[in-house]
Amino acid sequence: MKFKGALLLCLLLVGCDKPNDTQLVTETGRELQRTIDTNPMRITCEKIAKGREWLSRNMVRKLEAQGCDQVFRSATETNFTDSTIYRRTMTMVCGGIHGQSFTGTELTRRFI
């Protein structure tokens, strides 16, 4: 009886390590947020922008000179445009994100 119970438990747990699509997309979103928030360029751009929402033309020029027009301002203001899950020998989540740079321009990036 103990053997049958242990075997049944093992069979039930076999699929537990395989995340479903929602879990994969959620974890991908968390990883993208970490990547955006820990980008070393964000520190440089934040020092120039000083948290301001409205930027003068001079401030925008300074940000552009440092390359901040290609850096996402905030991970929380960045949205998925699409995502697709590929399951082959390795599971991959591919898609796109859309958000604003420090200069206010729209950025769209692809990810794997």
PDB file of N, CA and C in Angstrom:
ATOM      1  N   MET A   1       0.821  -1.195   0.000  1.00  0.00           N
ATOM      2  CA  MET A   1       0.000   0.000   0.000  1.00  0.00           C
ATOM      3  C   MET A   1       0.868   1.264   0.000  1.00  0.00           C
ATOM      4  N   LYS A   2       1.947   1.264   0.792  1.00  0.00           N
ATOM      5  CA  LYS A   2       2.841   2.423   0.830  1.00  0.00           C
ATOM      6  C   LYS A   2       3.491   2.640  -0.534  1.00  0.00           C
ATOM      7  N   PHE A   3       3.840   1.542  -1.202  1.00  0.00           N
ATOM      8  CA  PHE A   3       4.471   1.644  -2.516  1.00  0.00           C
ATOM      9  C   PHE A   3       3.521   2.290  -3.519  1.00  0.00           C
ATOM     10  N   LYS A   4       2.259   1.880  -3.497  1.00  0.00           N
ATOM     11  CA  LYS A   4       1.273   2.444  -4.425  1.00  0.00           C
ATOM     12  C   LYS A   4       1.056   3.933  -4.144  1.00  0.00           C
ATOM     13  N   GLY A   5       1.028   4.305  -2.870  1.00  0.00           N
ATOM     14  CA  GLY A   5       0.861   5.711  -2.495  1.00  0.00           C
ATOM     15  C   GLY A   5       2.048   6.554  -2.951  1.00  0.00           C
ATOM     16  N   ALA A   6       3.260   6.019  -2.756  1.00  0.00           N
ATOM     17  CA  ALA A   6       4.463   6.736  -3.178  1.00  0.00           C
ATOM     18  C   ALA A   6       4.510   6.863  -4.699  1.00  0.00           C
ATOM     19  N   LEU A   7       4.128   5.799  -5.396  1.00  0.00           N
ATOM     20  CA  LEU A   7       4.104   5.825  -6.855  1.00  0.00           C
ATOM     21  C   LEU A   7       3.087   6.847  -7.364  1.00  0.00           C
ATOM     22  N   LEU A   8       1.916   6.878  -6.752  1.00  0.00           N
ATOM     23  CA  LEU A   8       0.881   7.838  -7.136  1.00  0.00           C
ATOM     24  C   LEU A   8       1.357   9.277  -6.902  1.00  0.00           C
ATOM     25  N   LEU A   9       2.010   9.520  -5.771  1.00  0.00           N
ATOM     26  CA  LEU A   9       2.543  10.850  -5.469  1.00  0.00           C
ATOM     27  C   LEU A   9       3.587  11.263  -6.507  1.00  0.00           C
ATOM     28  N   CYS A  10       4.463  10.346  -6.863  1.00  0.00           N
ATOM     29  CA  CYS A  10       5.486  10.647  -7.876  1.00  0.00           C
ATOM     30  C   CYS A  10       4.852  10.985  -9.219  1.00  0.00           C
ATOM     31  N   LEU A  11       3.833  10.240  -9.600  1.00  0.00           N
ATOM     32  CA  LEU A  11       3.151  10.500 -10.868  1.00  0.00           C
ATOM     33  C   LEU A  11       2.458  11.859 -10.859  1.00  0.00           C
ATOM     34  N   LEU A  12       1.904  12.240  -9.723  1.00  0.00           N
ATOM     35  CA  LEU A  12       1.247  13.543  -9.619  1.00  0.00           C
ATOM     36  C   LEU A  12       2.248  14.696  -9.683  1.00  0.00           C
ATOM     37  N   LEU A  13       3.434  14.472  -9.140  1.00  0.00           N
ATOM     38  CA  LEU A  13       4.443  15.531  -9.082  1.00  0.00           C
ATOM     39  C   LEU A  13       5.252  15.668 -10.371  1.00  0.00           C
ATOM     40  N   VAL A  14       5.123  14.729 -11.284  1.00  0.00           N
ATOM     41  CA  VAL A  14       5.913  14.763 -12.513  1.00  0.00           C
ATOM     42  C   VAL A  14       5.683  16.051 -13.293  1.00  0.00           C
ATOM     43  N   GLY A  15       4.471  16.523 -13.406  1.00  0.00           N
ATOM     44  CA  GLY A  15       4.174  17.722 -14.180  1.00  0.00           C
ATOM     45  C   GLY A  15       4.320  19.020 -13.422  1.00  0.00           C
ATOM     46  N   CYS A  16       4.655  18.970 -12.137  1.00  0.00           N
ATOM     47  CA  CYS A  16       4.705  20.191 -11.324  1.00  0.00           C
ATOM     48  C   CYS A  16       5.854  21.119 -11.690  1.00  0.00           C
ATOM     49  N   ASP A  17       6.923  20.589 -12.252  1.00  0.00           N
ATOM     50  CA  ASP A  17       8.062  21.439 -12.569  1.00  0.00           C
ATOM     51  C   ASP A  17       7.912  22.138 -13.915  1.00  0.00           C
ATOM     52  N   LYS A  18       6.830  21.882 -14.628  1.00  0.00           N
ATOM     53  CA  LYS A  18       6.602  22.512 -15.926  1.00  0.00           C
ATOM     54  C   LYS A  18       5.639  23.688 -15.750  1.00  0.00           C
ATOM     55  N   PRO A  19       6.154  24.912 -15.825  1.00  0.00           N
ATOM     56  CA  PRO A  19       5.270  26.071 -15.638  1.00  0.00           C
ATOM     57  C   PRO A  19       4.290  26.224 -16.799  1.00  0.00           C
ATOM     58  N   ASN A  20       3.112  26.738 -16.483  1.00  0.00           N
ATOM     59  CA  ASN A  20       2.137  26.977 -17.550  1.00  0.00           C
ATOM     60  C   ASN A  20       2.457  28.305 -18.242  1.00  0.00           C
ATOM     61  N   ASP A  21       1.701  28.616 -19.281  1.00  0.00           N
ATOM     62  CA  ASP A  21       1.974  29.810 -20.089  1.00  0.00           C
ATOM     63  C   ASP A  21       1.905  31.099 -19.278  1.00  0.00           C
ATOM     64  N   THR A  22       0.929  31.191 -18.384  1.00  0.00           N
ATOM     65  CA  THR A  22       0.785  32.400 -17.558  1.00  0.00           C
ATOM     66  C   THR A  22       2.006  32.592 -16.672  1.00  0.00           C
ATOM     67  N   GLN A  23       2.481  31.506 -16.064  1.00  0.00           N
ATOM     68  CA  GLN A  23       3.669  31.598 -15.214  1.00  0.00           C
ATOM     69  C   GLN A  23       4.895  32.012 -16.022  1.00  0.00           C
ATOM     70  N   LEU A  24       5.027  31.471 -17.227  1.00  0.00           N
ATOM     71  CA  LEU A  24       6.170  31.826 -18.074  1.00  0.00           C
ATOM     72  C   LEU A  24       6.158  33.306 -18.448  1.00  0.00           C
ATOM     73  N   VAL A  25       5.010  33.825 -18.841  1.00  0.00           N
ATOM     74  CA  VAL A  25       4.917  35.233 -19.230  1.00  0.00           C
ATOM     75  C   VAL A  25       5.124  36.136 -18.014  1.00  0.00           C
ATOM     76  N   THR A  26       4.587  35.750 -16.863  1.00  0.00           N
ATOM     77  CA  THR A  26       4.773  36.532 -15.635  1.00  0.00           C
ATOM     78  C   THR A  26       6.243  36.592 -15.252  1.00  0.00           C
ATOM     79  N   GLU A  27       6.921  35.460 -15.294  1.00  0.00           N
ATOM     80  CA  GLU A  27       8.346  35.430 -14.951  1.00  0.00           C
ATOM     81  C   GLU A  27       9.173  36.211 -15.973  1.00  0.00           C
ATOM     82  N   THR A  28       8.787  36.145 -17.228  1.00  0.00           N
ATOM     83  CA  THR A  28       9.469  36.930 -18.262  1.00  0.00           C
ATOM     84  C   THR A  28       9.315  38.419 -17.980  1.00  0.00           C
ATOM     85  N   GLY A  29       8.115  38.841 -17.595  1.00  0.00           N
ATOM     86  CA  GLY A  29       7.879  40.241 -17.242  1.00  0.00           C
ATOM     87  C   GLY A  29       8.738  40.684 -16.076  1.00  0.00           C
ATOM     88  N   ARG A  30       8.857  39.838 -15.070  1.00  0.00           N
ATOM     89  CA  ARG A  30       9.708  40.170 -13.907  1.00  0.00           C
ATOM     90  C   ARG A  30      11.166  40.308 -14.324  1.00  0.00           C
ATOM     91  N   GLU A  31      11.620  39.392 -15.172  1.00  0.00           N
ATOM     92  CA  GLU A  31      13.009  39.435 -15.628  1.00  0.00           C
ATOM     93  C   GLU A  31      13.274  40.682 -16.471  1.00  0.00           C
ATOM     94  N   LEU A  32      12.329  41.049 -17.315  1.00  0.00           N
ATOM     95  CA  LEU A  32      12.481  42.280 -18.102  1.00  0.00           C
ATOM     96  C   LEU A  32      12.509  43.511 -17.204  1.00  0.00           C
ATOM     97  N   GLN A  33      11.670  43.530 -16.160  1.00  0.00           N
ATOM     98  CA  GLN A  33      11.687  44.656 -15.215  1.00  0.00           C
ATOM     99  C   GLN A  33      13.044  44.760 -14.533  1.00  0.00           C
ATOM    100  N   ARG A  34      13.586  43.612 -14.094  1.00  0.00           N
ATOM    101  CA  ARG A  34      14.909  43.626 -13.462  1.00  0.00           C
ATOM    102  C   ARG A  34      15.966  44.152 -14.427  1.00  0.00           C
ATOM    103  N   THR A  35      15.896  43.702 -15.677  1.00  0.00           N
ATOM    104  CA  THR A  35      16.874  44.125 -16.681  1.00  0.00           C
ATOM    105  C   THR A  35      16.790  45.627 -16.929  1.00  0.00           C
ATOM    106  N   ILE A  36      15.589  46.152 -17.058  1.00  0.00           N
ATOM    107  CA  ILE A  36      15.407  47.591 -17.296  1.00  0.00           C
ATOM    108  C   ILE A  36      15.849  48.389 -16.072  1.00  0.00           C
ATOM    109  N   ASP A  37      15.439  47.955 -14.885  1.00  0.00           N
ATOM    110  CA  ASP A  37      15.740  48.709 -13.662  1.00  0.00           C
ATOM    111  C   ASP A  37      17.215  48.663 -13.277  1.00  0.00           C
ATOM    112  N   THR A  38      17.932  47.614 -13.658  1.00  0.00           N
ATOM    113  CA  THR A  38      19.347  47.504 -13.283  1.00  0.00           C
ATOM    114  C   THR A  38      20.287  47.947 -14.399  1.00  0.00           C
ATOM    115  N   ASN A  39      19.739  48.511 -15.467  1.00  0.00           N
ATOM    116  CA  ASN A  39      20.565  49.014 -16.563  1.00  0.00           C
ATOM    117  C   ASN A  39      21.458  50.136 -16.029  1.00  0.00           C
ATOM    118  N   PRO A  40      22.780  50.018 -16.161  1.00  0.00           N
ATOM    119  CA  PRO A  40      23.676  51.053 -15.636  1.00  0.00           C
ATOM    120  C   PRO A  40      23.437  52.436 -16.252  1.00  0.00           C
ATOM    121  N   MET A  41      22.942  52.478 -17.469  1.00  0.00           N
ATOM    122  CA  MET A  41      22.664  53.771 -18.112  1.00  0.00           C
ATOM    123  C   MET A  41      21.534  54.520 -17.415  1.00  0.00           C
ATOM    124  N   ARG A  42      20.626  53.796 -16.762  1.00  0.00           N
ATOM    125  CA  ARG A  42      19.518  54.465 -16.063  1.00  0.00           C
ATOM    126  C   ARG A  42      20.045  55.395 -14.977  1.00  0.00           C
ATOM    127  N   ILE A  43      21.099  55.001 -14.304  1.00  0.00           N
ATOM    128  CA  ILE A  43      21.667  55.832 -13.235  1.00  0.00           C
ATOM    129  C   ILE A  43      22.173  57.151 -13.816  1.00  0.00           C
ATOM    130  N   THR A  44      22.906  57.060 -14.915  1.00  0.00           N
ATOM    131  CA  THR A  44      23.422  58.263 -15.579  1.00  0.00           C
ATOM    132  C   THR A  44      22.283  59.168 -16.027  1.00  0.00           C
ATOM    133  N   CYS A  45      21.288  58.568 -16.662  1.00  0.00           N
ATOM    134  CA  CYS A  45      20.157  59.352 -17.180  1.00  0.00           C
ATOM    135  C   CYS A  45      19.328  59.956 -16.048  1.00  0.00           C
ATOM    136  N   GLU A  46      19.164  59.213 -14.978  1.00  0.00           N
ATOM    137  CA  GLU A  46      18.380  59.710 -13.836  1.00  0.00           C
ATOM    138  C   GLU A  46      19.084  60.888 -13.171  1.00  0.00           C
ATOM    139  N   LYS A  47      20.414  60.852 -13.123  1.00  0.00           N
ATOM    140  CA  LYS A  47      21.164  61.977 -12.549  1.00  0.00           C
ATOM    141  C   LYS A  47      20.962  63.246 -13.372  1.00  0.00           C
ATOM    142  N   ILE A  48      20.879  63.088 -14.681  1.00  0.00           N
ATOM    143  CA  ILE A  48      20.672  64.253 -15.549  1.00  0.00           C
ATOM    144  C   ILE A  48      19.224  64.741 -15.444  1.00  0.00           C
ATOM    145  N   ALA A  49      18.265  63.812 -15.536  1.00  0.00           N
ATOM    146  CA  ALA A  49      16.841  64.186 -15.524  1.00  0.00           C
ATOM    147  C   ALA A  49      16.361  64.599 -14.136  1.00  0.00           C
ATOM    148  N   LYS A  50      16.989  64.093 -13.092  1.00  0.00           N
ATOM    149  CA  LYS A  50      16.654  64.416 -11.696  1.00  0.00           C
ATOM    150  C   LYS A  50      15.176  64.205 -11.376  1.00  0.00           C
ATOM    151  N   GLY A  51      14.589  63.177 -11.974  1.00  0.00           N
ATOM    152  CA  GLY A  51      13.211  62.819 -11.665  1.00  0.00           C
ATOM    153  C   GLY A  51      12.151  63.722 -12.261  1.00  0.00           C
ATOM    154  N   ARG A  52      12.548  64.647 -13.099  1.00  0.00           N
ATOM    155  CA  ARG A  52      11.581  65.581 -13.678  1.00  0.00           C
ATOM    156  C   ARG A  52      10.735  64.908 -14.741  1.00  0.00           C
ATOM    157  N   GLU A  53       9.454  65.230 -14.763  1.00  0.00           N
ATOM    158  CA  GLU A  53       8.557  64.747 -15.816  1.00  0.00           C
ATOM    159  C   GLU A  53       8.639  65.654 -17.036  1.00  0.00           C
ATOM    160  N   TRP A  54       8.681  66.968 -16.800  1.00  0.00           N
ATOM    161  CA  TRP A  54       8.745  67.944 -17.891  1.00  0.00           C
ATOM    162  C   TRP A  54      10.183  68.392 -18.036  1.00  0.00           C
ATOM    163  N   LEU A  55      10.720  68.239 -19.250  1.00  0.00           N
ATOM    164  CA  LEU A  55      12.124  68.553 -19.489  1.00  0.00           C
ATOM    165  C   LEU A  55      12.257  69.732 -20.449  1.00  0.00           C
ATOM    166  N   SER A  56      13.211  70.604 -20.147  1.00  0.00           N
ATOM    167  CA  SER A  56      13.492  71.720 -21.054  1.00  0.00           C
ATOM    168  C   SER A  56      14.234  71.187 -22.282  1.00  0.00           C
ATOM    169  N   ARG A  57      14.302  72.005 -23.317  1.00  0.00           N
ATOM    170  CA  ARG A  57      15.023  71.590 -24.532  1.00  0.00           C
ATOM    171  C   ARG A  57      16.494  71.336 -24.232  1.00  0.00           C
ATOM    172  N   ASN A  58      17.069  72.166 -23.382  1.00  0.00           N
ATOM    173  CA  ASN A  58      18.470  71.999 -23.004  1.00  0.00           C
ATOM    174  C   ASN A  58      18.673  70.659 -22.285  1.00  0.00           C
ATOM    175  N   MET A  59      17.746  70.315 -21.404  1.00  0.00           N
ATOM    176  CA  MET A  59      17.835  69.053 -20.669  1.00  0.00           C
ATOM    177  C   MET A  59      17.703  67.864 -21.628  1.00  0.00           C
ATOM    178  N   VAL A  60      16.803  67.975 -22.599  1.00  0.00           N
ATOM    179  CA  VAL A  60      16.624  66.909 -23.595  1.00  0.00           C
ATOM    180  C   VAL A  60      17.905  66.734 -24.403  1.00  0.00           C
ATOM    181  N   ARG A  61      18.548  67.842 -24.774  1.00  0.00           N
ATOM    182  CA  ARG A  61      19.815  67.759 -25.521  1.00  0.00           C
ATOM    183  C   ARG A  61      20.894  67.052 -24.704  1.00  0.00           C
ATOM    184  N   LYS A  62      20.969  67.373 -23.412  1.00  0.00           N
ATOM    185  CA  LYS A  62      21.951  66.707 -22.540  1.00  0.00           C
ATOM    186  C   LYS A  62      21.676  65.207 -22.462  1.00  0.00           C
ATOM    187  N   LEU A  63      20.403  64.846 -22.331  1.00  0.00           N
ATOM    188  CA  LEU A  63      20.036  63.427 -22.266  1.00  0.00           C
ATOM    189  C   LEU A  63      20.362  62.713 -23.578  1.00  0.00           C
ATOM    190  N   GLU A  64      20.065  63.361 -24.694  1.00  0.00           N
ATOM    191  CA  GLU A  64      20.366  62.761 -26.004  1.00  0.00           C
ATOM    192  C   GLU A  64      21.870  62.595 -26.200  1.00  0.00           C
ATOM    193  N   ALA A  65      22.654  63.552 -25.715  1.00  0.00           N
ATOM    194  CA  ALA A  65      24.111  63.470 -25.844  1.00  0.00           C
ATOM    195  C   ALA A  65      24.673  62.266 -25.092  1.00  0.00           C
ATOM    196  N   GLN A  66      24.013  61.873 -24.020  1.00  0.00           N
ATOM    197  CA  GLN A  66      24.450  60.716 -23.232  1.00  0.00           C
ATOM    198  C   GLN A  66      23.843  59.399 -23.724  1.00  0.00           C
ATOM    199  N   GLY A  67      22.974  59.465 -24.731  1.00  0.00           N
ATOM    200  CA  GLY A  67      22.340  58.251 -25.253  1.00  0.00           C
ATOM    201  C   GLY A  67      21.092  57.842 -24.493  1.00  0.00           C
ATOM    202  N   CYS A  68      20.546  58.746 -23.695  1.00  0.00           N
ATOM    203  CA  CYS A  68      19.376  58.431 -22.871  1.00  0.00           C
ATOM    204  C   CYS A  68      18.086  58.337 -23.673  1.00  0.00           C
ATOM    205  N   ASP A  69      18.139  58.743 -24.940  1.00  0.00           N
ATOM    206  CA  ASP A  69      16.952  58.601 -25.787  1.00  0.00           C
ATOM    207  C   ASP A  69      16.742  57.146 -26.204  1.00  0.00           C
ATOM    208  N   GLN A  70      17.688  56.264 -25.856  1.00  0.00           N
ATOM    209  CA  GLN A  70      17.568  54.833 -26.159  1.00  0.00           C
ATOM    210  C   GLN A  70      17.430  53.987 -24.895  1.00  0.00           C
ATOM    211  N   VAL A  71      17.176  54.635 -23.754  1.00  0.00           N
ATOM    212  CA  VAL A  71      17.067  53.940 -22.467  1.00  0.00           C
ATOM    213  C   VAL A  71      15.641  54.066 -21.946  1.00  0.00           C
ATOM    214  N   PHE A  72      15.034  52.931 -21.564  1.00  0.00           N
ATOM    215  CA  PHE A  72      13.689  52.970 -20.988  1.00  0.00           C
ATOM    216  C   PHE A  72      13.718  53.734 -19.678  1.00  0.00           C
ATOM    217  N   ARG A  73      12.767  54.640 -19.496  1.00  0.00           N
ATOM    218  CA  ARG A  73      12.694  55.451 -18.284  1.00  0.00           C
ATOM    219  C   ARG A  73      12.252  54.623 -17.085  1.00  0.00           C
ATOM    220  N   SER A  74      11.255  53.772 -17.278  1.00  0.00           N
ATOM    221  CA  SER A  74      10.697  53.033 -16.156  1.00  0.00           C
ATOM    222  C   SER A  74      10.190  51.676 -16.614  1.00  0.00           C
ATOM    223  N   ALA A  75      10.487  50.650 -15.832  1.00  0.00           N
ATOM    224  CA  ALA A  75       9.997  49.309 -16.156  1.00  0.00           C
ATOM    225  C   ALA A  75       8.495  49.213 -15.933  1.00  0.00           C
ATOM    226  N   THR A  76       7.978  49.959 -14.955  1.00  0.00           N
ATOM    227  CA  THR A  76       6.541  49.871 -14.663  1.00  0.00           C
ATOM    228  C   THR A  76       5.696  50.547 -15.731  1.00  0.00           C
ATOM    229  N   GLU A  77       6.304  51.428 -16.521  1.00  0.00           N
ATOM    230  CA  GLU A  77       5.581  52.100 -17.604  1.00  0.00           C
ATOM    231  C   GLU A  77       5.847  51.447 -18.958  1.00  0.00           C
ATOM    232  N   THR A  78       6.433  50.256 -18.935  1.00  0.00           N
ATOM    233  CA  THR A  78       6.742  49.514 -20.152  1.00  0.00           C
ATOM    234  C   THR A  78       5.752  48.375 -20.279  1.00  0.00           C
ATOM    235  N   ASN A  79       5.189  48.195 -21.460  1.00  0.00           N
ATOM    236  CA  ASN A  79       4.151  47.185 -21.663  1.00  0.00           C
ATOM    237  C   ASN A  79       4.561  46.159 -22.711  1.00  0.00           C
ATOM    238  N   PHE A  80       4.043  44.942 -22.536  1.00  0.00           N
ATOM    239  CA  PHE A  80       4.192  43.921 -23.569  1.00  0.00           C
ATOM    240  C   PHE A  80       3.363  44.334 -24.777  1.00  0.00           C
ATOM    241  N   THR A  81       3.921  44.228 -25.967  1.00  0.00           N
ATOM    242  CA  THR A  81       3.121  44.424 -27.173  1.00  0.00           C
ATOM    243  C   THR A  81       2.610  43.079 -27.665  1.00  0.00           C
ATOM    244  N   ASP A  82       3.418  42.062 -27.469  1.00  0.00           N
ATOM    245  CA  ASP A  82       3.025  40.702 -27.832  1.00  0.00           C
ATOM    246  C   ASP A  82       3.995  39.733 -27.175  1.00  0.00           C
ATOM    247  N   SER A  83       3.589  38.494 -27.039  1.00  0.00           N
ATOM    248  CA  SER A  83       4.488  37.452 -26.542  1.00  0.00           C
ATOM    249  C   SER A  83       4.029  36.111 -27.095  1.00  0.00           C
ATOM    250  N   THR A  84       4.995  35.280 -27.411  1.00  0.00           N
ATOM    251  CA  THR A  84       4.739  33.949 -27.941  1.00  0.00           C
ATOM    252  C   THR A  84       5.638  32.975 -27.214  1.00  0.00           C
ATOM    253  N   ILE A  85       5.103  31.820 -26.883  1.00  0.00           N
ATOM    254  CA  ILE A  85       5.870  30.794 -26.189  1.00  0.00           C
ATOM    255  C   ILE A  85       6.182  29.679 -27.177  1.00  0.00           C
ATOM    256  N   TYR A  86       7.473  29.372 -27.303  1.00  0.00           N
ATOM    257  CA  TYR A  86       7.926  28.283 -28.169  1.00  0.00           C
ATOM    258  C   TYR A  86       8.440  27.150 -27.292  1.00  0.00           C
ATOM    259  N   ARG A  87       7.905  25.969 -27.515  1.00  0.00           N
ATOM    260  CA  ARG A  87       8.345  24.792 -26.757  1.00  0.00           C
ATOM    261  C   ARG A  87       8.997  23.814 -27.728  1.00  0.00           C
ATOM    262  N   ARG A  88      10.299  23.755 -27.705  1.00  0.00           N
ATOM    263  CA  ARG A  88      11.063  22.796 -28.507  1.00  0.00           C
ATOM    264  C   ARG A  88      11.930  22.014 -27.524  1.00  0.00           C
ATOM    265  N   THR A  89      13.207  21.882 -27.807  1.00  0.00           N
ATOM    266  CA  THR A  89      14.089  21.249 -26.833  1.00  0.00           C
ATOM    267  C   THR A  89      14.258  22.151 -25.619  1.00  0.00           C
ATOM    268  N   MET A  90      14.034  23.447 -25.823  1.00  0.00           N
ATOM    269  CA  MET A  90      14.084  24.414 -24.730  1.00  0.00           C
ATOM    270  C   MET A  90      12.872  25.333 -24.880  1.00  0.00           C
ATOM    271  N   THR A  91      12.253  25.704 -23.775  1.00  0.00           N
ATOM    272  CA  THR A  91      11.106  26.610 -23.821  1.00  0.00           C
ATOM    273  C   THR A  91      11.606  28.047 -23.881  1.00  0.00           C
ATOM    274  N   MET A  92      11.084  28.822 -24.833  1.00  0.00           N
ATOM    275  CA  MET A  92      11.477  30.224 -24.984  1.00  0.00           C
ATOM    276  C   MET A  92      10.238  31.101 -25.053  1.00  0.00           C
ATOM    277  N   VAL A  93      10.342  32.273 -24.459  1.00  0.00           N
ATOM    278  CA  VAL A  93       9.293  33.284 -24.571  1.00  0.00           C
ATOM    279  C   VAL A  93       9.874  34.419 -25.408  1.00  0.00           C
ATOM    280  N   CYS A  94       9.225  34.731 -26.503  1.00  0.00           N
ATOM    281  CA  CYS A  94       9.671  35.799 -27.399  1.00  0.00           C
ATOM    282  C   CYS A  94       8.563  36.839 -27.502  1.00  0.00           C
ATOM    283  N   GLY A  95       8.937  38.067 -27.771  1.00  0.00           N
ATOM    284  CA  GLY A  95       7.904  39.084 -27.923  1.00  0.00           C
ATOM    285  C   GLY A  95       8.475  40.470 -28.042  1.00  0.00           C
ATOM    286  N   GLY A  96       7.658  41.445 -27.703  1.00  0.00           N
ATOM    287  CA  GLY A  96       8.063  42.837 -27.796  1.00  0.00           C
ATOM    288  C   GLY A  96       7.577  43.639 -26.604  1.00  0.00           C
ATOM    289  N   ILE A  97       8.282  44.721 -26.316  1.00  0.00           N
ATOM    290  CA  ILE A  97       7.883  45.646 -25.259  1.00  0.00           C
ATOM    291  C   ILE A  97       7.875  47.057 -25.839  1.00  0.00           C
ATOM    292  N   HIS A  98       7.087  47.908 -25.216  1.00  0.00           N
ATOM    293  CA  HIS A  98       6.917  49.280 -25.693  1.00  0.00           C
ATOM    294  C   HIS A  98       6.893  50.202 -24.479  1.00  0.00           C
ATOM    295  N   GLY A  99       7.613  51.307 -24.561  1.00  0.00           N
ATOM    296  CA  GLY A  99       7.625  52.265 -23.461  1.00  0.00           C
ATOM    297  C   GLY A  99       8.268  53.569 -23.891  1.00  0.00           C
ATOM    298  N   GLN A 100       8.538  54.437 -22.917  1.00  0.00           N
ATOM    299  CA  GLN A 100       9.127  55.743 -23.208  1.00  0.00           C
ATOM    300  C   GLN A 100      10.559  55.814 -22.718  1.00  0.00           C
ATOM    301  N   SER A 101      11.349  56.577 -23.459  1.00  0.00           N
ATOM    302  CA  SER A 101      12.733  56.818 -23.062  1.00  0.00           C
ATOM    303  C   SER A 101      12.776  58.010 -22.102  1.00  0.00           C
ATOM    304  N   PHE A 102      13.965  58.339 -21.653  1.00  0.00           N
ATOM    305  CA  PHE A 102      14.135  59.491 -20.763  1.00  0.00           C
ATOM    306  C   PHE A 102      13.806  60.807 -21.458  1.00  0.00           C
ATOM    307  N   THR A 103      13.916  60.834 -22.788  1.00  0.00           N
ATOM    308  CA  THR A 103      13.611  62.066 -23.521  1.00  0.00           C
ATOM    309  C   THR A 103      12.155  62.125 -23.959  1.00  0.00           C
ATOM    310  N   GLY A 104      11.388  61.086 -23.659  1.00  0.00           N
ATOM    311  CA  GLY A 104       9.972  61.070 -24.007  1.00  0.00           C
ATOM    312  C   GLY A 104       9.662  60.407 -25.334  1.00  0.00           C
ATOM    313  N   THR A 105      10.682  59.933 -26.034  1.00  0.00           N
ATOM    314  CA  THR A 105      10.433  59.238 -27.301  1.00  0.00           C
ATOM    315  C   THR A 105       9.912  57.832 -27.022  1.00  0.00           C
ATOM    316  N   GLU A 106       9.163  57.309 -27.972  1.00  0.00           N
ATOM    317  CA  GLU A 106       8.612  55.958 -27.845  1.00  0.00           C
ATOM    318  C   GLU A 106       9.671  54.938 -28.252  1.00  0.00           C
ATOM    319  N   LEU A 107       9.858  53.915 -27.425  1.00  0.00           N
ATOM    320  CA  LEU A 107      10.808  52.845 -27.725  1.00  0.00           C
ATOM    321  C   LEU A 107      10.066  51.523 -27.857  1.00  0.00           C
ATOM    322  N   THR A 108      10.450  50.732 -28.827  1.00  0.00           N
ATOM    323  CA  THR A 108       9.917  49.385 -28.983  1.00  0.00           C
ATOM    324  C   THR A 108      11.103  48.446 -29.110  1.00  0.00           C
ATOM    325  N   ARG A 109      11.113  47.402 -28.314  1.00  0.00           N
ATOM    326  CA  ARG A 109      12.206  46.432 -28.331  1.00  0.00           C
ATOM    327  C   ARG A 109      11.646  45.024 -28.426  1.00  0.00           C
ATOM    328  N   ARG A 110      12.421  44.130 -29.026  1.00  0.00           N
ATOM    329  CA  ARG A 110      12.086  42.708 -29.099  1.00  0.00           C
ATOM    330  C   ARG A 110      12.917  41.977 -28.048  1.00  0.00           C
ATOM    331  N   PHE A 111      12.415  40.861 -27.564  1.00  0.00           N
ATOM    332  CA  PHE A 111      13.164  40.084 -26.575  1.00  0.00           C
ATOM    333  C   PHE A 111      12.997  38.591 -26.825  1.00  0.00           C
ATOM    334  N   ILE A 112      13.959  37.823 -26.347  1.00  0.00           N
ATOM    335  CA  ILE A 112      13.900  36.351 -26.349  1.00  0.00           C
ATOM    336  C   ILE A 112      14.239  35.912 -24.942  1.00  0.00           C
TER     337      ILE A 112
END
